[in-house]
Amino acid sequence: MTFSDIHSQLFLQQRQVTYNSLITKNKQHTVLCTIPKDIQNESDKILVYDIINETYIDIEVSTVTDIT
């Protein structure tokens, strides 16, 4: 998935994103998130808003495995 793919699916929409942990091998995280503002340029990381924890997190684009 590319930065643009992820951005287009999350911008002003709520989705569950699954991504691989960079710290713990073979561990995946799933977070309900959105991109509420278009404030980021294309990058190897994407800034998303975690709806449940009410905080921003950055996810490395290459680690995203699924968006539902």
N, C-alpha and C. Protein backbone atom coordinates (compact mmCIF):
# COMPACT_ATOMS: atom_id res chain seq x y z
N MET A 1 0.83 -1.17 0.00
CA MET A 1 0.00 0.00 0.00
C MET A 1 0.88 1.24 0.00
N THR A 2 0.44 2.26 -0.68
CA THR A 2 1.20 3.50 -0.74
C THR A 2 0.61 4.53 0.22
N PHE A 3 1.36 5.60 0.42
CA PHE A 3 0.87 6.70 1.23
C PHE A 3 -0.47 7.20 0.68
N SER A 4 -0.55 7.38 -0.62
CA SER A 4 -1.77 7.89 -1.26
C SER A 4 -2.95 6.94 -1.06
N ASP A 5 -2.71 5.65 -1.16
CA ASP A 5 -3.77 4.65 -0.94
C ASP A 5 -4.34 4.79 0.47
N ILE A 6 -3.44 4.84 1.44
CA ILE A 6 -3.87 4.92 2.84
C ILE A 6 -4.59 6.24 3.10
N HIS A 7 -4.01 7.32 2.62
CA HIS A 7 -4.60 8.63 2.82
C HIS A 7 -6.01 8.70 2.23
N SER A 8 -6.20 8.21 1.04
CA SER A 8 -7.51 8.29 0.39
C SER A 8 -8.57 7.46 1.12
N GLN A 9 -8.16 6.39 1.77
CA GLN A 9 -9.12 5.55 2.50
C GLN A 9 -9.44 6.09 3.90
N LEU A 10 -8.56 6.91 4.45
CA LEU A 10 -8.76 7.39 5.82
C LEU A 10 -9.19 8.85 5.92
N PHE A 11 -8.94 9.64 4.91
CA PHE A 11 -9.24 11.06 4.99
C PHE A 11 -10.74 11.29 5.17
N LEU A 12 -11.10 11.85 6.32
CA LEU A 12 -12.50 12.14 6.69
C LEU A 12 -13.38 10.90 6.75
N GLN A 13 -12.76 9.75 6.98
CA GLN A 13 -13.49 8.48 7.11
C GLN A 13 -12.90 7.69 8.27
N GLN A 14 -13.75 6.91 8.93
CA GLN A 14 -13.28 6.06 10.02
C GLN A 14 -13.09 4.64 9.51
N ARG A 15 -11.91 4.11 9.71
CA ARG A 15 -11.59 2.75 9.28
C ARG A 15 -10.68 2.07 10.30
N GLN A 16 -10.67 0.74 10.24
CA GLN A 16 -9.72 -0.02 11.06
C GLN A 16 -8.49 -0.30 10.22
N VAL A 17 -7.36 0.08 10.77
CA VAL A 17 -6.08 -0.13 10.09
C VAL A 17 -5.31 -1.19 10.85
N THR A 18 -4.82 -2.18 10.14
CA THR A 18 -3.97 -3.21 10.73
C THR A 18 -2.57 -3.02 10.18
N TYR A 19 -1.61 -3.03 11.10
CA TYR A 19 -0.21 -2.84 10.69
C TYR A 19 0.70 -3.68 11.56
N ASN A 20 1.85 -3.99 11.02
CA ASN A 20 2.85 -4.80 11.74
C ASN A 20 3.67 -3.91 12.66
N SER A 21 3.95 -4.44 13.84
CA SER A 21 4.77 -3.73 14.81
C SER A 21 6.22 -3.67 14.32
N LEU A 22 6.83 -2.52 14.52
CA LEU A 22 8.25 -2.39 14.20
C LEU A 22 9.13 -2.82 15.38
N ILE A 23 8.52 -2.89 16.55
CA ILE A 23 9.27 -3.22 17.77
C ILE A 23 9.20 -4.71 18.09
N THR A 24 7.99 -5.26 18.05
CA THR A 24 7.78 -6.66 18.40
C THR A 24 7.57 -7.48 17.14
N LYS A 25 8.48 -8.39 16.87
CA LYS A 25 8.41 -9.21 15.67
C LYS A 25 7.14 -10.07 15.68
N ASN A 26 6.51 -10.19 14.53
CA ASN A 26 5.31 -11.01 14.33
C ASN A 26 4.09 -10.53 15.13
N LYS A 27 4.07 -9.27 15.50
CA LYS A 27 2.92 -8.73 16.20
C LYS A 27 2.23 -7.69 15.32
N GLN A 28 0.90 -7.75 15.30
CA GLN A 28 0.13 -6.78 14.54
C GLN A 28 -0.74 -5.96 15.48
N HIS A 29 -0.99 -4.73 15.08
CA HIS A 29 -1.88 -3.85 15.82
C HIS A 29 -3.04 -3.47 14.90
N THR A 30 -4.21 -3.30 15.50
CA THR A 30 -5.36 -2.81 14.75
C THR A 30 -5.92 -1.62 15.50
N VAL A 31 -6.14 -0.55 14.78
CA VAL A 31 -6.60 0.69 15.40
C VAL A 31 -7.71 1.30 14.55
N LEU A 32 -8.76 1.79 15.22
CA LEU A 32 -9.82 2.53 14.56
C LEU A 32 -9.34 3.96 14.43
N CYS A 33 -9.21 4.43 13.21
CA CYS A 33 -8.61 5.75 13.03
C CYS A 33 -9.18 6.50 11.84
N THR A 34 -8.74 7.74 11.72
CA THR A 34 -9.14 8.62 10.64
C THR A 34 -8.01 9.61 10.39
N ILE A 35 -8.14 10.35 9.30
CA ILE A 35 -7.28 11.50 9.06
C ILE A 35 -8.24 12.69 8.97
N PRO A 36 -8.34 13.47 10.05
CA PRO A 36 -9.34 14.53 10.10
C PRO A 36 -8.96 15.80 9.34
N LYS A 37 -7.65 16.00 9.10
CA LYS A 37 -7.18 17.19 8.39
C LYS A 37 -6.12 16.79 7.38
N ASP A 38 -6.10 17.49 6.28
CA ASP A 38 -5.10 17.22 5.25
C ASP A 38 -3.87 18.09 5.52
N ILE A 39 -3.02 17.61 6.44
CA ILE A 39 -1.88 18.43 6.88
C ILE A 39 -0.53 17.81 6.54
N GLN A 40 -0.52 16.65 5.91
CA GLN A 40 0.74 15.93 5.71
C GLN A 40 1.02 15.72 4.23
N ASN A 41 2.29 15.89 3.88
CA ASN A 41 2.73 15.56 2.52
C ASN A 41 3.13 14.10 2.46
N GLU A 42 3.25 13.59 1.26
CA GLU A 42 3.62 12.19 1.08
C GLU A 42 4.92 11.89 1.80
N SER A 43 4.94 10.75 2.49
CA SER A 43 6.07 10.38 3.33
C SER A 43 6.09 8.86 3.51
N ASP A 44 7.12 8.36 4.20
CA ASP A 44 7.17 6.93 4.52
C ASP A 44 6.37 6.62 5.79
N LYS A 45 5.90 7.67 6.48
CA LYS A 45 5.02 7.51 7.64
C LYS A 45 3.76 8.33 7.40
N ILE A 46 2.67 7.87 8.02
CA ILE A 46 1.42 8.60 7.90
C ILE A 46 0.86 8.87 9.30
N LEU A 47 0.41 10.09 9.49
CA LEU A 47 -0.13 10.51 10.78
C LEU A 47 -1.64 10.29 10.77
N VAL A 48 -2.11 9.49 11.72
CA VAL A 48 -3.55 9.18 11.81
C VAL A 48 -4.04 9.49 13.22
N TYR A 49 -5.33 9.70 13.32
CA TYR A 49 -5.93 9.98 14.63
C TYR A 49 -6.61 8.72 15.14
N ASP A 50 -6.14 8.23 16.28
CA ASP A 50 -6.69 7.05 16.94
C ASP A 50 -7.98 7.49 17.65
N ILE A 51 -9.11 7.04 17.17
CA ILE A 51 -10.41 7.48 17.67
C ILE A 51 -10.67 6.99 19.10
N ILE A 52 -10.30 5.77 19.39
CA ILE A 52 -10.55 5.20 20.71
C ILE A 52 -9.72 5.89 21.79
N ASN A 53 -8.43 6.05 21.54
CA ASN A 53 -7.52 6.65 22.53
C ASN A 53 -7.41 8.17 22.42
N GLU A 54 -8.07 8.74 21.42
CA GLU A 54 -8.09 10.19 21.21
C GLU A 54 -6.69 10.80 21.16
N THR A 55 -5.87 10.21 20.31
CA THR A 55 -4.50 10.69 20.16
C THR A 55 -4.03 10.43 18.73
N TYR A 56 -3.02 11.18 18.32
CA TYR A 56 -2.42 10.96 17.01
C TYR A 56 -1.31 9.92 17.13
N ILE A 57 -1.19 9.09 16.10
CA ILE A 57 -0.08 8.13 16.03
C ILE A 57 0.48 8.17 14.61
N ASP A 58 1.75 7.89 14.49
CA ASP A 58 2.32 7.79 13.15
C ASP A 58 2.61 6.32 12.86
N ILE A 59 2.25 5.93 11.67
CA ILE A 59 2.40 4.54 11.24
C ILE A 59 3.29 4.52 10.01
N GLU A 60 4.27 3.65 10.01
CA GLU A 60 5.11 3.50 8.83
C GLU A 60 4.28 2.86 7.72
N VAL A 61 4.24 3.50 6.57
CA VAL A 61 3.39 3.08 5.45
C VAL A 61 3.65 1.63 5.07
N SER A 62 4.89 1.22 5.04
CA SER A 62 5.22 -0.16 4.60
C SER A 62 4.71 -1.24 5.54
N THR A 63 4.30 -0.87 6.76
CA THR A 63 3.84 -1.86 7.72
C THR A 63 2.32 -2.11 7.66
N VAL A 64 1.60 -1.25 6.95
CA VAL A 64 0.14 -1.39 6.86
C VAL A 64 -0.20 -2.63 6.02
N THR A 65 -1.02 -3.50 6.61
CA THR A 65 -1.39 -4.74 5.91
C THR A 65 -2.85 -4.77 5.47
N ASP A 66 -3.71 -3.98 6.17
CA ASP A 66 -5.13 -4.03 5.82
C ASP A 66 -5.83 -2.77 6.32
N ILE A 67 -6.84 -2.35 5.57
CA ILE A 67 -7.73 -1.26 5.98
C ILE A 67 -9.14 -1.73 5.71
N THR A 68 -9.98 -1.74 6.75
CA THR A 68 -11.37 -2.19 6.58
C THR A 68 -12.33 -1.17 7.15
